[in-house]
Amino acid sequence: MKVTICIGSSCHVKGSRQVVDELQRLIDENNLGDKVDLAGTFCLGKCQQGVCVNVDEEFYSVTPDTVHDFFMENIKAKV
C-alpha cells in the first residue's frame, strides 16, 4: 500500500508533520512496515482541504486530530 502525505507549506501549517509522525508510529506499532510505503510530496493540488493524503491514489483530508481514526479505517483495515 502506498501512502503519500503532502508536506508542502499549506499542509505543513495544518499539521502534516504531526500526521507523518503519527502514521509512522502507528505503522510501526502495528507491524505494517513491510506492507505500507509511507512517502512525502510537496503538493497534491488540494491545498484548501487540509493535510492531503493519498492512499493508493485515493484522496483523503486528515488532521492531527483525525489521523488515528484515518489509519484504522483506511490503512490498517485495508492491508
C-alpha atoms as a PDB file:
ATOM      1  CA  MET A   1       0.000   0.000   0.000  1.00  0.00           C
ATOM      2  CA  LYS A   2       1.366   3.414  -0.972  1.00  0.00           C
ATOM      3  CA  VAL A   3       0.552   6.302   1.414  1.00  0.00           C
ATOM      4  CA  THR A   4       1.676   9.762   0.274  1.00  0.00           C
ATOM      5  CA  ILE A   5       1.365  12.796   2.540  1.00  0.00           C
ATOM      6  CA  CYS A   6       1.655  16.398   1.397  1.00  0.00           C
ATOM      7  CA  ILE A   7       4.387  18.234   3.280  1.00  0.00           C
ATOM      8  CA  GLY A   8       4.061  21.480   1.311  1.00  0.00           C
ATOM      9  CA  SER A   9       3.654  24.824   3.048  1.00  0.00           C
ATOM     10  CA  SER A  10      -0.163  24.841   3.271  1.00  0.00           C
ATOM     11  CA  CYS A  11      -0.366  21.301   4.649  1.00  0.00           C
ATOM     12  CA  HIS A  12       2.654  21.892   6.888  1.00  0.00           C
ATOM     13  CA  VAL A  13       0.820  24.768   8.576  1.00  0.00           C
ATOM     14  CA  LYS A  14      -2.204  22.471   9.057  1.00  0.00           C
ATOM     15  CA  GLY A  15      -0.156  19.765  10.805  1.00  0.00           C
ATOM     16  CA  SER A  16       1.377  17.481   8.186  1.00  0.00           C
ATOM     17  CA  ARG A  17       4.452  16.870  10.369  1.00  0.00           C
ATOM     18  CA  GLN A  18       2.256  15.552  13.188  1.00  0.00           C
ATOM     19  CA  VAL A  19       0.280  13.431  10.702  1.00  0.00           C
ATOM     20  CA  VAL A  20       3.507  11.928   9.311  1.00  0.00           C
ATOM     21  CA  ASP A  21       4.886  11.225  12.793  1.00  0.00           C
ATOM     22  CA  GLU A  22       1.662   9.596  13.991  1.00  0.00           C
ATOM     23  CA  LEU A  23       1.234   7.483  10.844  1.00  0.00           C
ATOM     24  CA  GLN A  24       4.818   6.260  11.150  1.00  0.00           C
ATOM     25  CA  ARG A  25       4.240   5.405  14.812  1.00  0.00           C
ATOM     26  CA  LEU A  26       1.014   3.542  14.021  1.00  0.00           C
ATOM     27  CA  ILE A  27       2.608   1.661  11.119  1.00  0.00           C
ATOM     28  CA  ASP A  28       5.482   0.577  13.376  1.00  0.00           C
ATOM     29  CA  GLU A  29       3.184  -0.237  16.311  1.00  0.00           C
ATOM     30  CA  ASN A  30       1.020  -2.454  14.092  1.00  0.00           C
ATOM     31  CA  ASN A  31       3.998  -4.137  12.376  1.00  0.00           C
ATOM     32  CA  LEU A  32       2.908  -2.928   8.939  1.00  0.00           C
ATOM     33  CA  GLY A  33       6.266  -1.589   7.762  1.00  0.00           C
ATOM     34  CA  ASP A  34       6.563  -4.326   5.144  1.00  0.00           C
ATOM     35  CA  LYS A  35       3.046  -3.633   3.810  1.00  0.00           C
ATOM     36  CA  VAL A  36       2.793   0.183   3.900  1.00  0.00           C
ATOM     37  CA  ASP A  37       5.100   2.518   1.981  1.00  0.00           C
ATOM     38  CA  LEU A  38       4.914   5.976   3.603  1.00  0.00           C
ATOM     39  CA  ALA A  39       6.190   8.868   1.474  1.00  0.00           C
ATOM     40  CA  GLY A  40       6.024  12.658   1.328  1.00  0.00           C
ATOM     41  CA  THR A  41       5.379  15.032  -1.546  1.00  0.00           C
ATOM     42  CA  PHE A  42       5.308  18.799  -1.856  1.00  0.00           C
ATOM     43  CA  CYS A  43       1.820  19.279  -3.290  1.00  0.00           C
ATOM     44  CA  LEU A  44      -1.200  17.153  -4.078  1.00  0.00           C
ATOM     45  CA  GLY A  45      -3.132  20.107  -5.522  1.00  0.00           C
ATOM     46  CA  LYS A  46      -5.876  20.332  -2.897  1.00  0.00           C
ATOM     47  CA  CYS A  47      -4.352  22.927  -0.600  1.00  0.00           C
ATOM     48  CA  GLN A  48      -7.677  24.184   0.769  1.00  0.00           C
ATOM     49  CA  GLN A  49      -8.653  20.738   2.062  1.00  0.00           C
ATOM     50  CA  GLY A  50      -6.224  20.274   4.919  1.00  0.00           C
ATOM     51  CA  VAL A  51      -3.386  17.819   5.207  1.00  0.00           C
ATOM     52  CA  CYS A  52      -3.714  15.946   1.930  1.00  0.00           C
ATOM     53  CA  VAL A  53      -3.090  12.209   1.985  1.00  0.00           C
ATOM     54  CA  ASN A  54      -3.291   9.728  -0.892  1.00  0.00           C
ATOM     55  CA  VAL A  55      -3.732   6.035  -0.197  1.00  0.00           C
ATOM     56  CA  ASP A  56      -3.203   4.064  -3.397  1.00  0.00           C
ATOM     57  CA  GLU A  57      -4.266   7.167  -5.382  1.00  0.00           C
ATOM     58  CA  GLU A  58      -7.422   7.807  -3.302  1.00  0.00           C
ATOM     59  CA  PHE A  59      -7.524  11.283  -1.708  1.00  0.00           C
ATOM     60  CA  TYR A  60      -8.216  11.994   1.966  1.00  0.00           C
ATOM     61  CA  SER A  61      -8.090  15.106   4.127  1.00  0.00           C
ATOM     62  CA  VAL A  62      -6.534  14.305   7.507  1.00  0.00           C
ATOM     63  CA  THR A  63      -5.767  16.386  10.584  1.00  0.00           C
ATOM     64  CA  PRO A  64      -3.600  15.598  13.591  1.00  0.00           C
ATOM     65  CA  ASP A  65      -6.866  15.024  15.498  1.00  0.00           C
ATOM     66  CA  THR A  66      -8.279  12.532  12.951  1.00  0.00           C
ATOM     67  CA  VAL A  67      -5.115  10.657  11.974  1.00  0.00           C
ATOM     68  CA  HIS A  68      -5.692   7.707  14.335  1.00  0.00           C
ATOM     69  CA  ASP A  69      -9.208   7.013  13.028  1.00  0.00           C
ATOM     70  CA  PHE A  70      -7.987   7.570   9.462  1.00  0.00           C
ATOM     71  CA  PHE A  71      -5.252   4.983   9.982  1.00  0.00           C
ATOM     72  CA  MET A  72      -7.631   2.411  11.447  1.00  0.00           C
ATOM     73  CA  GLU A  73     -10.275   2.815   8.722  1.00  0.00           C
ATOM     74  CA  ASN A  74      -8.203   3.455   5.613  1.00  0.00           C
ATOM     75  CA  ILE A  75      -4.865   1.767   6.194  1.00  0.00           C
ATOM     76  CA  LYS A  76      -5.000  -0.961   8.836  1.00  0.00           C
ATOM     77  CA  ALA A  77      -8.402  -2.266   7.730  1.00  0.00           C
ATOM     78  CA  LYS A  78      -7.269  -2.497   4.093  1.00  0.00           C
ATOM     79  CA  VAL A  79      -3.864  -4.197   4.319  1.00  0.00           C
END
